[in-house]
N, C-alpha and C. Protein backbone atom coordinates (compact mmCIF):
# COMPACT_ATOMS: atom_id res chain seq x y z
N MET A 1 -42.94 -126.87 143.86
CA MET A 1 -43.27 -125.74 144.70
C MET A 1 -43.71 -124.57 143.80
N ASN A 2 -44.77 -123.89 144.19
CA ASN A 2 -45.32 -122.79 143.41
C ASN A 2 -44.70 -121.46 143.86
N ALA A 3 -44.04 -120.76 142.95
CA ALA A 3 -43.38 -119.49 143.28
C ALA A 3 -44.39 -118.42 143.69
N GLN A 4 -45.64 -118.55 143.28
CA GLN A 4 -46.67 -117.57 143.64
C GLN A 4 -46.90 -117.52 145.15
N ASN A 5 -46.59 -118.56 145.86
CA ASN A 5 -46.80 -118.58 147.30
C ASN A 5 -45.90 -117.60 148.04
N PHE A 6 -44.86 -117.08 147.38
CA PHE A 6 -43.88 -116.25 148.06
C PHE A 6 -43.85 -114.81 147.54
N LEU A 7 -44.85 -114.39 146.80
CA LEU A 7 -44.91 -113.00 146.33
C LEU A 7 -45.52 -112.12 147.40
N ALA A 8 -45.08 -110.87 147.42
CA ALA A 8 -45.62 -109.93 148.40
C ALA A 8 -46.00 -108.63 147.69
N ARG A 9 -46.98 -107.93 148.26
CA ARG A 9 -47.39 -106.63 147.74
C ARG A 9 -47.09 -105.59 148.80
N ASP A 10 -46.09 -104.77 148.56
CA ASP A 10 -45.75 -103.73 149.51
C ASP A 10 -45.53 -102.43 148.74
N ARG A 11 -46.51 -101.54 148.81
CA ARG A 11 -46.44 -100.28 148.07
C ARG A 11 -45.24 -99.44 148.51
N GLU A 12 -44.83 -99.55 149.76
CA GLU A 12 -43.71 -98.77 150.27
C GLU A 12 -42.39 -99.16 149.61
N LEU A 13 -42.31 -100.33 149.02
CA LEU A 13 -41.09 -100.77 148.35
C LEU A 13 -41.16 -100.61 146.83
N ALA A 14 -42.29 -100.16 146.32
CA ALA A 14 -42.47 -100.04 144.87
C ALA A 14 -41.81 -98.75 144.36
N ALA A 15 -41.42 -98.76 143.09
CA ALA A 15 -40.82 -97.58 142.46
C ALA A 15 -41.93 -96.58 142.14
N PHE A 16 -41.65 -95.30 142.40
CA PHE A 16 -42.66 -94.27 142.12
C PHE A 16 -41.99 -92.97 141.72
N HIS A 17 -42.79 -92.07 141.18
CA HIS A 17 -42.37 -90.72 140.84
C HIS A 17 -43.34 -89.77 141.53
N SER A 18 -42.83 -88.61 141.93
CA SER A 18 -43.72 -87.65 142.58
C SER A 18 -43.39 -86.23 142.13
N ASN A 19 -44.39 -85.39 142.14
CA ASN A 19 -44.25 -83.98 141.85
C ASN A 19 -44.97 -83.21 142.95
N THR A 20 -44.38 -82.10 143.35
CA THR A 20 -45.00 -81.24 144.35
C THR A 20 -44.90 -79.80 143.88
N PHE A 21 -46.02 -79.11 143.93
CA PHE A 21 -46.08 -77.69 143.60
C PHE A 21 -46.71 -76.99 144.80
N GLY A 22 -46.15 -75.84 145.17
CA GLY A 22 -46.70 -75.18 146.34
C GLY A 22 -46.46 -73.69 146.34
N ALA A 23 -47.13 -73.04 147.28
CA ALA A 23 -46.98 -71.60 147.48
C ALA A 23 -47.07 -71.32 148.97
N THR A 24 -46.32 -70.30 149.39
CA THR A 24 -46.30 -69.91 150.79
C THR A 24 -46.40 -68.40 150.89
N ALA A 25 -47.14 -67.94 151.88
CA ALA A 25 -47.26 -66.50 152.13
C ALA A 25 -47.06 -66.26 153.62
N SER A 26 -46.45 -65.14 153.95
CA SER A 26 -46.20 -64.79 155.34
C SER A 26 -46.45 -63.30 155.53
N ARG A 27 -47.04 -62.97 156.65
CA ARG A 27 -47.34 -61.56 156.96
C ARG A 27 -46.84 -61.29 158.39
N GLN A 28 -45.98 -60.28 158.52
CA GLN A 28 -45.47 -59.91 159.84
C GLN A 28 -46.43 -58.91 160.48
N PHE A 29 -46.61 -59.03 161.79
CA PHE A 29 -47.51 -58.12 162.48
C PHE A 29 -46.97 -57.76 163.86
N MET A 30 -47.47 -56.70 164.41
CA MET A 30 -47.15 -56.24 165.76
C MET A 30 -48.47 -55.96 166.47
N ILE A 31 -48.50 -56.18 167.77
CA ILE A 31 -49.64 -55.80 168.59
C ILE A 31 -49.13 -54.74 169.57
N PRO A 32 -49.50 -53.47 169.36
CA PRO A 32 -48.94 -52.39 170.18
C PRO A 32 -49.13 -52.59 171.69
N ARG A 33 -50.23 -53.16 172.12
CA ARG A 33 -50.50 -53.34 173.55
C ARG A 33 -49.69 -54.50 174.17
N ALA A 34 -49.19 -55.39 173.33
CA ALA A 34 -48.41 -56.53 173.83
C ALA A 34 -46.94 -56.14 173.87
N THR A 35 -46.51 -55.47 174.94
CA THR A 35 -45.13 -54.98 175.04
C THR A 35 -44.12 -56.12 175.18
N TRP A 36 -44.56 -57.29 175.60
CA TRP A 36 -43.67 -58.43 175.75
C TRP A 36 -43.33 -59.09 174.41
N MET A 37 -44.07 -58.74 173.36
CA MET A 37 -43.90 -59.38 172.05
C MET A 37 -42.95 -58.56 171.17
N THR A 38 -41.92 -59.21 170.65
CA THR A 38 -41.00 -58.55 169.73
C THR A 38 -41.60 -58.42 168.35
N LYS A 39 -42.14 -59.52 167.82
CA LYS A 39 -42.84 -59.52 166.53
C LYS A 39 -43.66 -60.79 166.40
N GLY A 40 -44.50 -60.82 165.41
CA GLY A 40 -45.30 -62.00 165.12
C GLY A 40 -45.47 -62.16 163.62
N THR A 41 -45.70 -63.40 163.20
CA THR A 41 -45.96 -63.67 161.78
C THR A 41 -47.15 -64.61 161.65
N LEU A 42 -47.92 -64.39 160.62
CA LEU A 42 -48.99 -65.28 160.23
C LEU A 42 -48.54 -65.94 158.93
N ASN A 43 -48.52 -67.25 158.90
CA ASN A 43 -47.97 -67.99 157.77
C ASN A 43 -49.01 -68.94 157.20
N ALA A 44 -49.10 -69.01 155.89
CA ALA A 44 -50.02 -69.92 155.21
C ALA A 44 -49.28 -70.57 154.03
N SER A 45 -49.52 -71.86 153.85
CA SER A 45 -48.89 -72.53 152.70
C SER A 45 -49.86 -73.58 152.14
N TYR A 46 -49.69 -73.85 150.86
CA TYR A 46 -50.50 -74.84 150.15
C TYR A 46 -49.56 -75.64 149.26
N ASP A 47 -49.66 -76.96 149.31
CA ASP A 47 -48.87 -77.85 148.45
C ASP A 47 -49.80 -78.84 147.78
N ARG A 48 -49.57 -79.08 146.50
CA ARG A 48 -50.29 -80.09 145.73
C ARG A 48 -49.27 -81.16 145.36
N MET A 49 -49.53 -82.40 145.78
CA MET A 49 -48.60 -83.50 145.54
C MET A 49 -49.26 -84.56 144.66
N HIS A 50 -48.47 -85.13 143.77
CA HIS A 50 -48.95 -86.22 142.92
C HIS A 50 -47.93 -87.35 142.98
N PHE A 51 -48.41 -88.54 143.26
CA PHE A 51 -47.57 -89.74 143.31
C PHE A 51 -48.08 -90.73 142.29
N SER A 52 -47.19 -91.29 141.48
CA SER A 52 -47.57 -92.33 140.52
C SER A 52 -46.54 -93.46 140.59
N TYR A 53 -47.05 -94.66 140.71
CA TYR A 53 -46.19 -95.84 140.86
C TYR A 53 -46.00 -96.51 139.50
N SER A 54 -44.78 -96.95 139.23
CA SER A 54 -44.48 -97.55 137.93
C SER A 54 -44.55 -99.08 137.94
N ASP A 55 -44.63 -99.69 139.11
CA ASP A 55 -44.71 -101.16 139.16
C ASP A 55 -45.62 -101.66 140.28
N TYR A 56 -46.64 -100.89 140.60
CA TYR A 56 -47.59 -101.29 141.64
C TYR A 56 -48.99 -101.08 141.09
N ARG A 57 -49.78 -102.12 141.04
CA ARG A 57 -51.12 -102.09 140.44
C ARG A 57 -52.19 -101.76 141.48
N ASP A 58 -53.25 -101.10 141.04
CA ASP A 58 -54.38 -100.74 141.89
C ASP A 58 -55.40 -101.86 141.88
N LEU A 59 -55.37 -102.72 142.90
CA LEU A 59 -56.25 -103.89 142.93
C LEU A 59 -57.68 -103.53 143.30
N ARG A 60 -57.95 -102.28 143.62
CA ARG A 60 -59.34 -101.87 143.90
C ARG A 60 -60.18 -101.85 142.63
N VAL A 61 -59.52 -101.77 141.47
CA VAL A 61 -60.21 -101.77 140.18
C VAL A 61 -60.38 -103.21 139.72
N GLN A 62 -61.63 -103.61 139.47
CA GLN A 62 -61.91 -104.98 139.05
C GLN A 62 -61.76 -105.09 137.53
N VAL A 63 -60.90 -106.02 137.09
CA VAL A 63 -60.71 -106.28 135.66
C VAL A 63 -60.85 -107.78 135.43
N ARG A 64 -61.07 -108.14 134.18
CA ARG A 64 -61.23 -109.55 133.85
C ARG A 64 -59.90 -110.31 133.90
N THR A 65 -58.84 -109.67 133.44
CA THR A 65 -57.54 -110.33 133.38
C THR A 65 -56.64 -109.81 134.48
N PRO A 66 -56.25 -110.63 135.44
CA PRO A 66 -55.34 -110.17 136.50
C PRO A 66 -54.02 -109.67 135.91
N GLY A 67 -53.50 -108.61 136.49
CA GLY A 67 -52.25 -108.02 136.00
C GLY A 67 -52.47 -106.89 135.03
N THR A 68 -53.72 -106.62 134.64
CA THR A 68 -54.00 -105.51 133.73
C THR A 68 -54.64 -104.33 134.46
N GLU A 69 -54.64 -104.37 135.78
CA GLU A 69 -55.19 -103.26 136.55
C GLU A 69 -54.37 -102.00 136.25
N PRO A 70 -54.99 -100.83 136.38
CA PRO A 70 -54.21 -99.60 136.17
C PRO A 70 -53.16 -99.44 137.26
N LEU A 71 -52.10 -98.73 136.94
CA LEU A 71 -51.07 -98.47 137.92
C LEU A 71 -51.62 -97.55 139.01
N TYR A 72 -51.16 -97.74 140.22
CA TYR A 72 -51.66 -96.98 141.37
C TYR A 72 -51.09 -95.56 141.36
N ALA A 73 -51.94 -94.59 141.65
CA ALA A 73 -51.53 -93.18 141.75
C ALA A 73 -52.48 -92.48 142.71
N PHE A 74 -52.00 -91.43 143.32
CA PHE A 74 -52.87 -90.62 144.18
C PHE A 74 -52.35 -89.20 144.27
N ASP A 75 -53.24 -88.30 144.65
CA ASP A 75 -52.92 -86.89 144.84
C ASP A 75 -53.17 -86.52 146.29
N ALA A 76 -52.47 -85.48 146.74
CA ALA A 76 -52.67 -84.99 148.10
C ALA A 76 -52.61 -83.47 148.09
N ASP A 77 -53.51 -82.85 148.84
CA ASP A 77 -53.50 -81.40 149.06
C ASP A 77 -53.13 -81.17 150.52
N VAL A 78 -52.08 -80.38 150.74
CA VAL A 78 -51.62 -80.11 152.10
C VAL A 78 -51.70 -78.60 152.33
N MET A 79 -52.49 -78.22 153.33
CA MET A 79 -52.64 -76.81 153.68
C MET A 79 -52.17 -76.60 155.11
N GLN A 80 -51.39 -75.53 155.33
CA GLN A 80 -50.89 -75.23 156.65
C GLN A 80 -51.17 -73.77 156.97
N LEU A 81 -51.57 -73.51 158.19
CA LEU A 81 -51.79 -72.15 158.67
C LEU A 81 -51.26 -72.12 160.09
N PHE A 82 -50.29 -71.22 160.34
CA PHE A 82 -49.75 -71.15 161.69
C PHE A 82 -49.29 -69.74 162.03
N VAL A 83 -49.21 -69.48 163.32
CA VAL A 83 -48.79 -68.18 163.85
C VAL A 83 -47.50 -68.38 164.65
N SER A 84 -46.54 -67.49 164.43
CA SER A 84 -45.29 -67.51 165.21
C SER A 84 -45.18 -66.19 165.97
N ILE A 85 -44.77 -66.29 167.21
CA ILE A 85 -44.60 -65.10 168.02
C ILE A 85 -43.23 -65.11 168.67
N TRP A 86 -42.48 -64.01 168.51
CA TRP A 86 -41.19 -63.83 169.15
C TRP A 86 -41.39 -62.98 170.39
N PHE A 87 -40.74 -63.35 171.48
CA PHE A 87 -40.87 -62.53 172.69
C PHE A 87 -39.54 -62.44 173.40
């Protein structure tokens, strides 16, 4: 029996390391004509995430020798902008 028949590739189970750096800003505001509003805030945030896997190969890269593909890694930029209103 060939053990290769029972191998699986699941990135969600692979070991990885991640780093996240971010910044957030918030500004409080009032609208004088809106008497029903207690206060409001405008919020913005930005996060830069980096994920690198230590035992998961990137099979999208074609190489001559199987198993020598570079390790899989990706980056993500997350931006959020939202308004909160208290009443």
